[in-house]
Protein backbone atom coordinates (compact mmCIF):
# COMPACT_ATOMS: atom_id res chain seq x y z
CA MET A 1 -104.31 14.47 -51.63
CA LYS A 2 -102.72 17.21 -53.81
CA ARG A 3 -99.35 15.41 -53.67
CA ILE A 4 -100.92 12.13 -54.83
CA THR A 5 -102.75 13.98 -57.71
CA ALA A 6 -99.46 15.77 -58.71
CA LEU A 7 -97.53 12.51 -58.55
CA PHE A 8 -100.15 10.74 -60.72
CA LEU A 9 -100.03 13.52 -63.32
CA LEU A 10 -96.18 13.44 -63.37
CA ILE A 11 -96.14 9.67 -63.86
CA SER A 12 -98.67 9.69 -66.54
CA MET A 13 -96.82 12.50 -68.37
CA LEU A 14 -93.56 10.57 -68.18
CA LEU A 15 -95.26 7.38 -69.45
CA THR A 16 -96.79 9.21 -72.37
CA ALA A 17 -93.61 10.98 -73.17
CA GLY A 18 -91.77 7.65 -73.19
CA GLU A 19 -94.26 6.14 -75.60
CA GLU A 20 -93.77 9.00 -78.15
CA GLY A 21 -89.95 8.86 -77.71
CA ILE A 22 -89.92 12.41 -76.25
CA LEU A 23 -87.66 12.25 -73.24
CA PRO A 24 -85.39 14.91 -71.61
CA ARG A 25 -81.76 14.75 -72.88
CA GLN A 26 -79.38 12.97 -70.72
CA LEU A 27 -76.23 14.79 -69.59
CA THR A 28 -73.11 13.53 -67.94
CA VAL A 29 -72.02 14.87 -64.60
CA ASP A 30 -68.60 16.46 -64.93
CA LEU A 31 -67.29 17.48 -61.51
CA PRO A 32 -63.81 18.93 -60.78
CA LYS A 33 -62.95 16.02 -58.58
CA LYS A 34 -64.11 12.46 -59.17
CA CYS A 35 -64.75 11.86 -55.45
CA GLN A 36 -67.42 14.62 -55.25
CA VAL A 37 -71.17 14.19 -55.54
CA LEU A 38 -73.61 16.41 -57.39
CA MET A 39 -75.53 18.85 -55.12
CA LEU A 40 -78.73 20.30 -56.55
CA HIS A 41 -80.19 23.61 -55.64
CA VAL A 42 -83.91 24.12 -54.76
CA THR A 43 -83.95 27.37 -56.86
CA PRO A 44 -81.53 28.70 -59.54
CA GLU A 45 -79.46 30.73 -57.04
CA ARG A 46 -76.08 30.12 -55.58
CA LYS A 47 -77.30 30.57 -52.02
CA SER A 48 -80.49 28.48 -52.20
CA LYS A 49 -81.00 25.34 -50.13
CA LYS A 50 -79.14 22.26 -51.45
CA ILE A 51 -80.33 18.74 -52.19
CA MET A 52 -77.97 15.86 -51.61
CA THR A 53 -77.65 13.24 -54.44
CA TYR A 54 -75.39 10.30 -55.05
CA ALA A 55 -74.65 11.33 -58.61
CA SER A 56 -70.90 11.58 -59.12
CA TYR A 57 -68.45 12.09 -62.05
CA GLY A 58 -69.58 10.30 -65.15
CA ASP A 59 -73.11 9.53 -63.98
CA LYS A 60 -76.14 10.40 -66.21
CA VAL A 61 -78.75 12.99 -65.25
CA GLU A 62 -82.04 13.96 -67.02
CA ASN A 63 -81.92 17.50 -68.32
CA MET A 64 -85.39 19.20 -67.82
CA GLY A 65 -84.23 22.51 -69.38
CA CYS A 66 -81.71 25.40 -68.89
CA ILE A 67 -82.17 29.05 -68.28
CA ARG A 68 -80.07 32.29 -67.98
CA GLU A 69 -81.09 35.82 -67.01
CA ILE A 70 -79.27 37.28 -69.94
CA THR A 71 -79.47 36.25 -73.59
CA GLN A 72 -76.36 35.21 -75.54
CA LYS A 73 -76.94 38.13 -77.93
CA GLU A 74 -76.90 40.58 -74.92
CA LEU A 75 -73.72 38.90 -73.66
CA ASP A 76 -72.02 39.19 -76.98
CA ASN A 77 -72.70 42.91 -77.14
CA ILE A 78 -70.96 43.56 -73.78
CA PRO A 79 -67.32 44.66 -74.07
CA GLU A 80 -64.91 41.76 -73.73
CA SER A 81 -63.38 43.20 -70.56
CA LYS A 82 -66.70 42.80 -68.72
CA ARG A 83 -68.09 39.73 -70.52
CA TYR A 84 -66.48 37.15 -68.19
CA TYR A 85 -67.78 38.88 -65.10
CA ILE A 86 -71.31 39.13 -66.55
CA ALA A 87 -71.22 35.44 -67.55
CA TRP A 88 -70.19 34.63 -63.95
CA LYS A 89 -72.84 36.87 -62.48
CA TYR A 90 -75.63 35.45 -64.65
CA PRO A 91 -74.69 31.68 -65.05
CA VAL A 92 -76.61 29.15 -67.04
CA TRP A 93 -78.68 26.93 -64.66
CA CYS A 94 -80.09 23.58 -65.68
CA ARG A 95 -82.98 21.87 -63.94
CA VAL A 96 -82.07 18.17 -63.75
CA ALA A 97 -83.51 15.02 -62.28
CA VAL A 98 -81.39 12.53 -60.42
CA GLY A 99 -83.63 9.56 -59.74
CA ILE A 100 -86.70 11.00 -58.07
CA LYS A 101 -84.87 14.13 -56.89
CA GLN A 102 -85.07 17.25 -59.01
CA GLY A 103 -83.28 20.57 -58.67
CA TRP A 104 -80.99 23.21 -60.29
CA VAL A 105 -77.34 22.86 -61.06
CA LEU A 106 -74.81 25.15 -62.89
CA GLN A 107 -74.24 24.07 -66.45
CA GLN A 108 -70.43 24.01 -65.87
CA TYR A 109 -70.94 20.78 -63.87
CA LEU A 110 -72.73 19.04 -66.76
CA LYS A 111 -71.32 17.71 -70.06
CA ASN A 112 -73.12 16.87 -73.29
CA GLU A 113 -71.23 13.99 -74.78
CA ASP A 114 -73.09 14.15 -78.11
CA LEU A 115 -71.60 17.66 -78.81
CA GLU A 116 -68.10 16.57 -77.82
CA GLU A 117 -68.19 13.68 -80.25
CA ASP A 118 -69.14 16.13 -83.10
CA ASP A 119 -66.06 18.21 -82.30
CA ASP A 120 -63.78 15.30 -83.41
CA PHE A 121 -64.41 15.96 -87.08
């Protein structure tokens, strides 16, 4: 019963958001090899359980938000010799939706095409 209620609330929120034009931003999957598929994580940790999807290179996913345990300001204040290690240790995780499946993925596997188009100026 709780699942049905939660599903109903989720669907109603999505329908309301669609009417107002407020939808999560779409990102493009950018995997190192074009034959790979996107694997989502249950929690934003490298060793968490994985969720299989059929999204591959170039497919669109819905971005539900991104987090990082360290702020960009804190990262900028770290000496450059340690900055890359800290950026690796505390990566940016994005919660995404692929169809009905949701999970966390490292930001390095996603591409925002809108930003790349702006760089062409």
